[in-house]
Amino acid sequence: MTTDLEILREALRLSESGKKVALCSVIEKLGSGPRDVGTKMTVSEDAKTVGTIGGGNLERFLIDQSLEALKEGKPRKVVLSLHRGKKEGKIETGSICGGELTMFIDVIKPKPRLIIIGAGHVAWPLARLADILGFNLTIVDDNAELACKDRYPMAEKIITGNFNEILDKIDIDSKHLVVIAHGEPEHDYLALEKIVKKKPSYIGLLGSRTKVATLVKRLKATGVSDDDLKSLHAPLGLDIGAQTPEEIGISILAEIISEKRKDTKDLKSNVHRI
């Protein structure tokens, strides 16, 4: 039998790999049922499980509920009926044990992953603030003196080398957040060109409106569409009148937080988009 410690370790492993996981626990048992209060089980985004609450249809219904909770990103409580006949607010499982199991499905989300391209004046306070907020950080720059462990001890990864080559090495998917803040226009353009193709959930480009408009115009001339640029925030950051690198870092993270929470709160951020 899988132990609680093994189940919790699996939840941690999935979270550290960047995946959401549902941790399901029996919080109430009425009448007869296969498992007792405190029994746990994990359900991953690909429906794989560790642990069991009894198998069969009972477990299949719980997996379905867990996958819905993972999709919404919100925990939920469900009551699984183990006797014949429908009851309002309870899920009929087809089991005839005669009892009910109340399950709490908690959605454990991984640390948000922020990739900062550039390791200069704005990147440093941005990384420090993001670390405080619990982000998983990757720093990318062609200057190994700037992008080093001494300056960025909080970074999980630091990628340096030939700029064109290291941009191809960055592992990015739809869950990642990317801030382009190198400063050199050609470097920023090359980063934007490559990152847009990887389709992260958020791309922030640091620079003036003129610089942003110029780079985006060049990009569109290569065939990039407005739909391809829907995750681009440029100039990035909320308009709070930021001037110093530290203030700019705060404005960037404020915008990222508002984007993360927009599905759960009616946040109206003053976001500049091209």
Protein backbone atom coordinates (compact mmCIF):
# COMPACT_ATOMS: atom_id res chain seq x y z
CA MET A 1 0.00 0.00 0.00
CA THR A 2 1.30 3.44 -0.94
CA THR A 3 2.06 5.51 2.15
CA ASP A 4 1.01 9.11 2.80
CA LEU A 5 4.67 10.14 2.63
CA GLU A 6 5.03 8.63 -0.86
CA ILE A 7 1.86 10.40 -2.00
CA LEU A 8 3.08 13.75 -0.67
CA ARG A 9 6.49 13.20 -2.27
CA GLU A 10 4.78 12.61 -5.62
CA ALA A 11 2.83 15.85 -5.22
CA LEU A 12 6.10 17.66 -4.50
CA ARG A 13 7.87 16.01 -7.45
CA LEU A 14 5.14 17.05 -9.88
CA SER A 15 5.04 20.58 -8.51
CA GLU A 16 8.83 20.96 -8.77
CA SER A 17 8.69 19.73 -12.37
CA GLY A 18 6.35 22.64 -13.19
CA LYS A 19 3.06 20.72 -13.24
CA LYS A 20 -0.16 21.23 -11.32
CA VAL A 21 -1.33 18.29 -9.20
CA ALA A 22 -4.56 17.52 -7.37
CA LEU A 23 -4.18 16.22 -3.82
CA CYS A 24 -7.39 14.40 -2.89
CA SER A 25 -8.24 13.64 0.75
CA VAL A 26 -11.20 11.90 2.40
CA ILE A 27 -12.45 14.48 4.90
CA GLU A 28 -15.72 12.78 5.95
CA LYS A 29 -17.14 9.26 5.76
CA LEU A 30 -20.77 8.35 6.42
CA GLY A 31 -21.77 4.69 6.54
CA SER A 32 -19.78 2.04 4.72
CA GLY A 33 -16.98 2.86 2.32
CA PRO A 34 -13.67 1.45 1.11
CA ARG A 35 -11.32 3.96 2.81
CA ASP A 36 -11.29 6.02 5.98
CA VAL A 37 -10.96 9.74 6.74
CA GLY A 38 -7.46 10.95 5.96
CA THR A 39 -6.89 8.68 2.97
CA LYS A 40 -5.04 10.52 0.20
CA MET A 41 -4.47 10.24 -3.52
CA THR A 42 -2.79 12.44 -6.14
CA VAL A 43 -4.05 13.04 -9.67
CA SER A 44 -1.70 14.59 -12.24
CA GLU A 45 -2.67 16.65 -15.28
CA ASP A 46 -2.36 13.55 -17.48
CA ALA A 47 -4.74 11.61 -15.15
CA LYS A 48 -2.03 9.45 -13.57
CA THR A 49 -2.61 8.63 -9.91
CA VAL A 50 -0.64 7.69 -6.83
CA GLY A 51 -2.55 6.16 -3.93
CA THR A 52 -6.15 4.98 -4.00
CA ILE A 53 -9.52 5.66 -2.38
CA GLY A 54 -10.97 2.33 -3.48
CA GLY A 55 -10.64 1.94 -7.24
CA GLY A 56 -13.41 1.29 -9.75
CA ASN A 57 -16.04 3.87 -10.70
CA LEU A 58 -15.57 5.62 -7.36
CA GLU A 59 -12.03 6.51 -8.30
CA ARG A 60 -12.86 7.30 -11.92
CA PHE A 61 -15.40 9.90 -10.83
CA LEU A 62 -12.85 11.40 -8.44
CA ILE A 63 -10.26 11.57 -11.23
CA ASP A 64 -12.77 13.37 -13.48
CA GLN A 65 -13.50 15.88 -10.73
CA SER A 66 -9.78 16.35 -10.09
CA LEU A 67 -9.04 17.03 -13.77
CA GLU A 68 -11.80 19.67 -13.82
CA ALA A 69 -10.34 21.27 -10.70
CA LEU A 70 -6.86 21.28 -12.29
CA LYS A 71 -8.25 22.91 -15.42
CA GLU A 72 -9.98 25.64 -13.38
CA GLY A 73 -7.03 25.97 -11.02
CA LYS A 74 -9.37 25.98 -8.01
CA PRO A 75 -9.91 23.51 -5.14
CA ARG A 76 -13.31 21.92 -4.62
CA LYS A 77 -15.25 19.64 -2.28
CA VAL A 78 -17.28 16.73 -3.69
CA VAL A 79 -19.50 14.08 -2.12
CA LEU A 80 -19.31 10.62 -3.69
CA SER A 81 -22.40 8.51 -3.12
CA LEU A 82 -21.85 4.77 -2.52
CA HIS A 83 -25.49 3.72 -2.71
CA ARG A 84 -28.11 3.49 -5.42
CA GLY A 85 -30.35 6.44 -6.17
CA LYS A 86 -29.53 10.03 -6.97
CA LYS A 87 -29.26 12.61 -4.22
CA GLU A 88 -29.00 16.33 -4.83
CA GLY A 89 -25.48 17.64 -4.59
CA LYS A 90 -23.91 14.18 -4.52
CA ILE A 91 -22.20 12.21 -7.28
CA GLU A 92 -23.68 8.77 -7.93
CA THR A 93 -20.80 6.34 -8.49
CA GLY A 94 -22.72 3.08 -9.03
CA SER A 95 -21.21 1.57 -5.87
CA ILE A 96 -23.51 -0.21 -3.41
CA CYS A 97 -21.38 -0.02 -0.25
CA GLY A 98 -24.13 2.08 1.28
CA GLY A 99 -22.16 5.10 2.47
CA GLU A 100 -20.74 8.44 1.33
CA LEU A 101 -17.26 9.84 1.01
CA THR A 102 -16.68 13.58 1.14
CA MET A 103 -13.50 14.48 -0.71
CA PHE A 104 -11.49 17.67 -0.67
CA ILE A 105 -9.55 18.21 -3.90
CA ASP A 106 -6.73 20.68 -3.38
CA VAL A 107 -4.96 22.10 -6.44
CA ILE A 108 -1.23 22.43 -5.80
CA LYS A 109 0.31 24.85 -8.26
CA PRO A 110 4.02 24.93 -9.07
CA LYS A 111 6.11 28.03 -8.58
CA PRO A 112 5.54 30.41 -11.49
CA ARG A 113 8.54 30.28 -13.84
CA LEU A 114 10.01 33.62 -14.87
CA ILE A 115 12.76 33.84 -17.49
CA ILE A 116 14.63 37.15 -17.54
CA ILE A 117 16.60 37.79 -20.72
CA GLY A 118 19.23 40.32 -19.79
CA ALA A 119 21.14 40.64 -16.52
CA GLY A 120 21.62 44.40 -16.24
CA HIS A 121 20.24 47.27 -14.18
CA VAL A 122 16.54 46.36 -14.31
CA ALA A 123 17.00 42.59 -14.29
CA TRP A 124 18.76 42.56 -10.91
CA PRO A 125 16.05 44.21 -8.76
CA LEU A 126 13.40 42.40 -10.82
CA ALA A 127 15.00 39.05 -9.94
CA ARG A 128 15.33 39.98 -6.25
CA LEU A 129 11.68 41.00 -6.03
CA ALA A 130 10.50 37.97 -8.01
CA ASP A 131 12.43 35.70 -5.64
CA ILE A 132 10.63 37.25 -2.66
CA LEU A 133 7.31 36.53 -4.40
CA GLY A 134 8.25 32.88 -4.91
CA PHE A 135 9.06 32.78 -8.62
CA ASN A 136 11.32 30.13 -10.11
CA LEU A 137 13.98 32.15 -11.94
CA THR A 138 16.13 31.68 -15.04
CA ILE A 139 18.61 34.40 -16.07
CA VAL A 140 19.82 34.56 -19.69
CA ASP A 141 22.60 36.84 -20.99
CA ASP A 142 25.65 36.77 -23.24
CA ASN A 143 27.65 38.61 -20.57
CA ALA A 144 28.89 36.01 -18.08
CA GLU A 145 30.22 38.71 -15.76
CA LEU A 146 26.71 40.10 -15.28
CA ALA A 147 24.84 36.80 -15.38
CA CYS A 148 26.66 34.92 -12.63
CA LYS A 149 25.79 33.18 -9.37
CA ASP A 150 27.40 35.93 -7.31
CA ARG A 151 24.90 38.50 -8.65
CA TYR A 152 21.97 36.10 -9.02
CA PRO A 153 22.19 33.54 -6.19
CA MET A 154 18.41 33.21 -6.25
CA ALA A 155 18.30 31.92 -9.85
CA GLU A 156 17.64 28.25 -10.44
CA LYS A 157 19.35 28.50 -13.83
CA ILE A 158 21.82 30.93 -15.39
CA ILE A 159 22.38 30.55 -19.13
CA THR A 160 25.28 32.36 -20.79
CA GLY A 161 27.20 32.16 -24.06
CA ASN A 162 26.63 33.15 -27.67
CA PHE A 163 23.35 35.07 -27.59
CA ASN A 164 21.82 33.47 -30.66
CA GLU A 165 22.68 29.98 -29.44
CA ILE A 166 21.57 30.37 -25.83
CA LEU A 167 18.16 31.67 -26.90
CA ASP A 168 17.61 28.35 -28.65
CA LYS A 169 18.54 26.45 -25.49
CA ILE A 170 15.87 28.03 -23.29
CA ASP A 171 13.15 25.53 -22.41
CA ILE A 172 9.89 27.51 -22.72
CA ASP A 173 6.27 26.41 -22.86
CA SER A 174 2.82 27.99 -22.49
CA LYS A 175 3.15 28.22 -18.69
CA HIS A 176 6.31 30.34 -18.69
CA LEU A 177 6.65 34.09 -18.23
CA VAL A 178 9.41 35.91 -20.11
CA VAL A 179 10.80 39.40 -19.62
CA ILE A 180 13.13 40.75 -22.31
CA ALA A 181 15.32 43.42 -20.73
CA HIS A 182 18.72 43.11 -22.34
CA GLY A 183 18.87 46.72 -23.51
CA GLU A 184 20.72 46.34 -26.81
CA PRO A 185 18.06 46.78 -29.55
CA GLU A 186 19.38 44.00 -31.78
CA HIS A 187 19.63 41.61 -28.84
CA ASP A 188 16.10 42.49 -27.75
CA TYR A 189 14.80 42.02 -31.30
CA LEU A 190 16.49 38.62 -31.66
CA ALA A 191 15.10 37.54 -28.29
CA LEU A 192 11.62 38.72 -29.20
CA GLU A 193 11.77 36.96 -32.57
CA LYS A 194 12.73 33.64 -31.01
CA ILE A 195 10.57 33.82 -27.87
CA VAL A 196 7.36 34.65 -29.75
CA LYS A 197 7.68 31.33 -31.59
CA LYS A 198 7.82 29.44 -28.28
CA LYS A 199 4.43 30.89 -27.20
CA PRO A 200 4.90 31.56 -23.47
CA SER A 201 1.91 32.86 -21.50
CA TYR A 202 3.51 36.28 -21.03
CA ILE A 203 6.19 38.20 -22.90
CA GLY A 204 7.29 41.56 -21.55
CA LEU A 205 9.54 43.82 -23.60
CA LEU A 206 11.39 46.64 -21.84
CA GLY A 207 11.84 49.86 -23.80
CA SER A 208 10.29 53.09 -24.99
CA ARG A 209 7.18 53.19 -27.15
CA THR A 210 9.33 54.15 -30.14
CA LYS A 211 11.69 51.21 -29.62
CA VAL A 212 8.81 48.79 -29.11
CA ALA A 213 6.96 50.01 -32.21
CA THR A 214 10.13 49.67 -34.31
CA LEU A 215 10.85 46.11 -33.15
CA VAL A 216 7.26 44.98 -33.55
CA LYS A 217 7.08 46.48 -37.06
CA ARG A 218 10.20 44.54 -38.03
CA LEU A 219 8.72 41.39 -36.58
CA LYS A 220 5.44 41.77 -38.45
CA ALA A 221 7.37 42.27 -41.68
CA THR A 222 8.65 38.71 -41.27
CA GLY A 223 5.10 37.35 -41.17
CA VAL A 224 4.37 37.43 -37.43
CA SER A 225 0.66 38.15 -36.87
CA ASP A 226 -1.21 40.11 -34.20
CA ASP A 227 -2.45 36.77 -32.87
CA ASP A 228 1.16 35.60 -32.47
CA LEU A 229 1.78 38.72 -30.39
CA LYS A 230 -1.27 38.43 -28.13
CA SER A 231 0.88 37.58 -25.10
CA LEU A 232 3.22 40.54 -25.68
CA HIS A 233 3.16 43.39 -23.16
CA ALA A 234 5.17 46.30 -24.44
CA PRO A 235 6.25 48.61 -23.05
CA LEU A 236 5.90 46.26 -20.10
CA GLY A 237 4.82 47.10 -16.57
CA LEU A 238 1.89 48.91 -15.01
CA ASP A 239 1.91 52.67 -15.51
CA ILE A 240 2.84 53.78 -11.98
CA GLY A 241 5.30 56.46 -13.03
CA ALA A 242 8.28 54.18 -12.33
CA GLN A 243 11.72 55.67 -12.95
CA THR A 244 14.38 53.76 -11.01
CA PRO A 245 15.30 50.13 -11.81
CA GLU A 246 13.68 49.06 -8.53
CA GLU A 247 10.44 50.89 -9.32
CA ILE A 248 10.42 49.45 -12.83
CA GLY A 249 10.87 45.97 -11.33
CA ILE A 250 7.84 46.56 -9.11
CA SER A 251 5.74 47.77 -12.06
CA ILE A 252 6.69 44.67 -14.09
CA LEU A 253 5.79 42.25 -11.30
CA ALA A 254 2.56 44.14 -10.60
CA GLU A 255 1.55 43.59 -14.22
CA ILE A 256 2.52 39.91 -14.12
CA ILE A 257 0.49 39.40 -10.93
CA SER A 258 -2.53 41.13 -12.44
CA GLU A 259 -2.28 38.87 -15.51
CA LYS A 260 -2.03 35.77 -13.32
CA ARG A 261 -5.10 36.78 -11.31
CA LYS A 262 -7.29 38.15 -14.09
CA ASP A 263 -9.30 34.92 -14.29
CA THR A 264 -10.22 35.09 -10.61
CA LYS A 265 -10.57 38.83 -10.04
CA ASP A 266 -11.84 41.70 -12.10
CA LEU A 267 -8.51 43.51 -12.23
CA LYS A 268 -8.33 46.37 -14.69
CA SER A 269 -4.66 47.06 -15.18
CA ASN A 270 -3.29 49.91 -17.21
CA VAL A 271 -1.37 47.65 -19.58
CA HIS A 272 0.30 49.10 -22.66
CA ARG A 273 0.03 46.85 -25.69
CA ILE A 274 1.05 47.22 -29.29
